[in-house]
Amino acid sequence: MRSVIFPVQISAARVLLGMSQKELASAASVALGTVKRIEAAREELTGNAQTMGRIQRALEGAGIEFIEQDGRNGPGVRLRKPIPL
């Protein structure tokens, strides 16, 4: 598991999956307000590691792969399996 995920990755992952904030909150066993607060943040979060871990595991369990930023590109997300054409 990655050590740091960014709010923008959580939002992007959720949208890529077609998942609402309420659905993510339920899947991660966190409050809806928590998901909203995290997604509204504009920088790296240093909040509750347990909460972030729950959110990350819920998204990864739904098929998301988090991509770390490097020297050229920012952080991102992608589906683990290709979408059938």
N, C-alpha and C. Protein backbone atom coordinates (compact mmCIF):
# COMPACT_ATOMS: atom_id res chain seq x y z
N MET A 1 0.84 -1.18 0.00
CA MET A 1 0.00 0.00 0.00
C MET A 1 0.88 1.24 0.00
N ARG A 2 0.48 2.23 -0.74
CA ARG A 2 1.21 3.50 -0.76
C ARG A 2 1.13 4.18 0.58
N SER A 3 2.10 4.99 0.88
CA SER A 3 2.10 5.68 2.17
C SER A 3 1.31 6.98 2.12
N VAL A 4 1.23 7.62 0.97
CA VAL A 4 0.54 8.91 0.87
C VAL A 4 -0.35 8.93 -0.37
N ILE A 5 -1.60 9.28 -0.16
CA ILE A 5 -2.47 9.55 -1.30
C ILE A 5 -2.98 10.97 -1.14
N PHE A 6 -3.26 11.60 -2.25
CA PHE A 6 -3.67 12.99 -2.27
C PHE A 6 -5.18 13.10 -2.47
N PRO A 7 -5.79 14.16 -1.94
CA PRO A 7 -7.24 14.35 -2.13
C PRO A 7 -7.68 14.28 -3.58
N VAL A 8 -6.90 14.84 -4.48
CA VAL A 8 -7.24 14.83 -5.89
C VAL A 8 -7.29 13.39 -6.43
N GLN A 9 -6.45 12.52 -5.89
CA GLN A 9 -6.49 11.12 -6.32
C GLN A 9 -7.76 10.43 -5.83
N ILE A 10 -8.19 10.75 -4.63
CA ILE A 10 -9.41 10.16 -4.10
C ILE A 10 -10.60 10.58 -4.95
N SER A 11 -10.69 11.87 -5.24
CA SER A 11 -11.79 12.37 -6.08
C SER A 11 -11.75 11.73 -7.46
N ALA A 12 -10.58 11.69 -8.07
CA ALA A 12 -10.45 11.13 -9.42
C ALA A 12 -10.80 9.64 -9.43
N ALA A 13 -10.35 8.93 -8.44
CA ALA A 13 -10.63 7.49 -8.36
C ALA A 13 -12.13 7.24 -8.23
N ARG A 14 -12.75 8.01 -7.38
CA ARG A 14 -14.18 7.85 -7.15
C ARG A 14 -14.97 8.13 -8.42
N VAL A 15 -14.61 9.20 -9.11
CA VAL A 15 -15.30 9.56 -10.36
C VAL A 15 -15.04 8.51 -11.43
N LEU A 16 -13.82 8.04 -11.53
CA LEU A 16 -13.48 7.01 -12.52
C LEU A 16 -14.32 5.75 -12.32
N LEU A 17 -14.63 5.44 -11.07
CA LEU A 17 -15.44 4.27 -10.76
C LEU A 17 -16.95 4.54 -10.86
N GLY A 18 -17.32 5.82 -11.02
CA GLY A 18 -18.74 6.17 -11.04
C GLY A 18 -19.35 6.03 -9.65
N MET A 19 -18.57 6.29 -8.64
CA MET A 19 -18.97 6.11 -7.25
C MET A 19 -19.28 7.47 -6.62
N SER A 20 -20.36 7.57 -5.90
CA SER A 20 -20.70 8.81 -5.21
C SER A 20 -19.88 8.93 -3.93
N GLN A 21 -19.85 10.12 -3.37
CA GLN A 21 -19.17 10.30 -2.09
C GLN A 21 -19.84 9.44 -1.01
N LYS A 22 -21.14 9.35 -1.06
CA LYS A 22 -21.87 8.54 -0.09
C LYS A 22 -21.51 7.06 -0.21
N GLU A 23 -21.39 6.59 -1.44
CA GLU A 23 -21.00 5.19 -1.67
C GLU A 23 -19.59 4.91 -1.17
N LEU A 24 -18.68 5.86 -1.40
CA LEU A 24 -17.31 5.69 -0.92
C LEU A 24 -17.29 5.67 0.60
N ALA A 25 -18.02 6.59 1.21
CA ALA A 25 -18.07 6.64 2.67
C ALA A 25 -18.56 5.30 3.23
N SER A 26 -19.59 4.75 2.62
CA SER A 26 -20.13 3.47 3.07
C SER A 26 -19.12 2.35 2.87
N ALA A 27 -18.50 2.30 1.71
CA ALA A 27 -17.52 1.25 1.41
C ALA A 27 -16.31 1.31 2.33
N ALA A 28 -15.93 2.52 2.74
CA ALA A 28 -14.76 2.71 3.60
C ALA A 28 -15.11 2.75 5.08
N SER A 29 -16.40 2.69 5.40
CA SER A 29 -16.86 2.77 6.80
C SER A 29 -16.39 4.04 7.48
N VAL A 30 -16.56 5.16 6.76
CA VAL A 30 -16.26 6.48 7.32
C VAL A 30 -17.48 7.37 7.10
N ALA A 31 -17.52 8.48 7.79
CA ALA A 31 -18.64 9.41 7.65
C ALA A 31 -18.59 10.12 6.31
N LEU A 32 -19.76 10.41 5.76
CA LEU A 32 -19.85 11.16 4.51
C LEU A 32 -19.13 12.49 4.63
N GLY A 33 -19.29 13.17 5.74
CA GLY A 33 -18.61 14.45 5.96
C GLY A 33 -17.11 14.33 5.89
N THR A 34 -16.59 13.19 6.31
CA THR A 34 -15.14 12.96 6.25
C THR A 34 -14.68 12.89 4.80
N VAL A 35 -15.41 12.16 3.97
CA VAL A 35 -15.06 12.07 2.55
C VAL A 35 -15.13 13.46 1.91
N LYS A 36 -16.16 14.21 2.20
CA LYS A 36 -16.31 15.56 1.64
C LYS A 36 -15.16 16.46 2.08
N ARG A 37 -14.79 16.39 3.35
CA ARG A 37 -13.70 17.24 3.87
C ARG A 37 -12.38 16.87 3.21
N ILE A 38 -12.12 15.58 3.07
CA ILE A 38 -10.86 15.14 2.46
C ILE A 38 -10.79 15.57 1.00
N GLU A 39 -11.88 15.36 0.26
CA GLU A 39 -11.87 15.73 -1.15
C GLU A 39 -11.76 17.24 -1.36
N ALA A 40 -12.22 18.02 -0.40
CA ALA A 40 -12.15 19.48 -0.52
C ALA A 40 -10.76 20.03 -0.22
N ALA A 41 -9.92 19.23 0.40
CA ALA A 41 -8.56 19.67 0.73
C ALA A 41 -7.77 19.90 -0.54
N ARG A 42 -6.84 20.81 -0.50
CA ARG A 42 -6.07 21.18 -1.69
C ARG A 42 -4.62 20.73 -1.63
N GLU A 43 -4.26 19.98 -0.63
CA GLU A 43 -2.87 19.54 -0.51
C GLU A 43 -2.83 18.17 0.15
N GLU A 44 -1.65 17.64 0.32
CA GLU A 44 -1.47 16.35 0.96
C GLU A 44 -2.07 16.39 2.36
N LEU A 45 -2.74 15.32 2.72
CA LEU A 45 -3.34 15.25 4.05
C LEU A 45 -2.42 14.55 5.02
N THR A 46 -2.40 15.04 6.22
CA THR A 46 -1.65 14.36 7.28
C THR A 46 -2.61 13.91 8.36
N GLY A 47 -3.87 13.72 7.99
CA GLY A 47 -4.91 13.35 8.94
C GLY A 47 -4.79 11.91 9.41
N ASN A 48 -5.87 11.42 9.90
CA ASN A 48 -5.94 10.10 10.49
C ASN A 48 -5.53 9.02 9.49
N ALA A 49 -4.45 8.34 9.80
CA ALA A 49 -3.92 7.31 8.90
C ALA A 49 -4.90 6.16 8.74
N GLN A 50 -5.64 5.84 9.80
CA GLN A 50 -6.61 4.75 9.73
C GLN A 50 -7.73 5.09 8.74
N THR A 51 -8.21 6.33 8.79
CA THR A 51 -9.26 6.77 7.87
C THR A 51 -8.77 6.75 6.44
N MET A 52 -7.59 7.30 6.20
CA MET A 52 -7.04 7.32 4.85
C MET A 52 -6.81 5.89 4.34
N GLY A 53 -6.38 5.01 5.23
CA GLY A 53 -6.19 3.61 4.85
C GLY A 53 -7.49 2.94 4.45
N ARG A 54 -8.55 3.23 5.18
CA ARG A 54 -9.87 2.68 4.84
C ARG A 54 -10.33 3.15 3.47
N ILE A 55 -10.16 4.43 3.21
CA ILE A 55 -10.56 4.98 1.92
C ILE A 55 -9.73 4.37 0.80
N GLN A 56 -8.44 4.29 1.01
CA GLN A 56 -7.55 3.73 0.00
C GLN A 56 -7.91 2.26 -0.27
N ARG A 57 -8.11 1.48 0.76
CA ARG A 57 -8.46 0.06 0.58
C ARG A 57 -9.79 -0.10 -0.14
N ALA A 58 -10.76 0.76 0.18
CA ALA A 58 -12.07 0.68 -0.48
C ALA A 58 -11.93 0.95 -1.98
N LEU A 59 -11.15 1.95 -2.33
CA LEU A 59 -10.96 2.29 -3.75
C LEU A 59 -10.14 1.22 -4.47
N GLU A 60 -9.10 0.73 -3.83
CA GLU A 60 -8.30 -0.33 -4.44
C GLU A 60 -9.14 -1.61 -4.60
N GLY A 61 -9.99 -1.89 -3.62
CA GLY A 61 -10.86 -3.06 -3.71
C GLY A 61 -11.87 -2.95 -4.84
N ALA A 62 -12.20 -1.72 -5.21
CA ALA A 62 -13.14 -1.48 -6.32
C ALA A 62 -12.44 -1.45 -7.67
N GLY A 63 -11.10 -1.60 -7.68
CA GLY A 63 -10.39 -1.69 -8.95
C GLY A 63 -9.46 -0.54 -9.29
N ILE A 64 -9.18 0.32 -8.33
CA ILE A 64 -8.30 1.47 -8.58
C ILE A 64 -6.86 1.14 -8.23
N GLU A 65 -5.95 1.66 -9.03
CA GLU A 65 -4.52 1.60 -8.74
C GLU A 65 -4.04 3.04 -8.61
N PHE A 66 -3.40 3.35 -7.49
CA PHE A 66 -2.86 4.69 -7.28
C PHE A 66 -1.48 4.77 -7.91
N ILE A 67 -1.20 5.89 -8.59
CA ILE A 67 0.07 6.10 -9.27
C ILE A 67 0.80 7.23 -8.56
N GLU A 68 2.01 6.95 -8.13
CA GLU A 68 2.79 7.96 -7.42
C GLU A 68 3.31 9.01 -8.39
N GLN A 69 3.50 10.21 -7.86
CA GLN A 69 4.09 11.26 -8.69
C GLN A 69 5.59 10.99 -8.82
N ASP A 70 6.16 11.50 -9.89
CA ASP A 70 7.59 11.36 -10.11
C ASP A 70 8.13 12.74 -10.51
N GLY A 71 9.33 12.78 -11.02
CA GLY A 71 9.94 14.05 -11.39
C GLY A 71 9.25 14.78 -12.52
N ARG A 72 8.48 14.06 -13.35
CA ARG A 72 7.82 14.67 -14.50
C ARG A 72 6.31 14.80 -14.34
N ASN A 73 5.70 13.86 -13.64
CA ASN A 73 4.24 13.79 -13.59
C ASN A 73 3.73 13.83 -12.16
N GLY A 74 2.54 14.37 -12.01
CA GLY A 74 1.89 14.41 -10.71
C GLY A 74 1.26 13.06 -10.38
N PRO A 75 0.68 12.96 -9.19
CA PRO A 75 0.05 11.71 -8.79
C PRO A 75 -1.21 11.45 -9.62
N GLY A 76 -1.60 10.19 -9.72
CA GLY A 76 -2.77 9.87 -10.51
C GLY A 76 -3.42 8.58 -10.07
N VAL A 77 -4.40 8.15 -10.85
CA VAL A 77 -5.10 6.89 -10.61
C VAL A 77 -5.41 6.25 -11.95
N ARG A 78 -5.60 4.95 -11.91
CA ARG A 78 -6.04 4.23 -13.11
C ARG A 78 -6.77 2.97 -12.67
N LEU A 79 -7.52 2.41 -13.60
CA LEU A 79 -8.19 1.14 -13.35
C LEU A 79 -7.16 0.03 -13.47
N ARG A 80 -7.23 -0.95 -12.60
CA ARG A 80 -6.29 -2.07 -12.67
C ARG A 80 -6.48 -2.92 -13.91
N LYS A 81 -7.73 -3.07 -14.35
CA LYS A 81 -8.02 -3.88 -15.52
C LYS A 81 -8.54 -2.99 -16.63
N PRO A 82 -8.18 -3.28 -17.87
CA PRO A 82 -8.69 -2.48 -18.99
C PRO A 82 -10.22 -2.62 -19.11
N ILE A 83 -10.84 -1.59 -19.59
CA ILE A 83 -12.28 -1.63 -19.86
C ILE A 83 -12.47 -2.36 -21.18
N PRO A 84 -13.35 -3.37 -21.21
CA PRO A 84 -13.59 -4.09 -22.48
C PRO A 84 -14.13 -3.16 -23.55
N LEU A 85 -13.62 -3.30 -24.77
CA LEU A 85 -14.09 -2.46 -25.86
C LEU A 85 -15.20 -3.12 -26.62
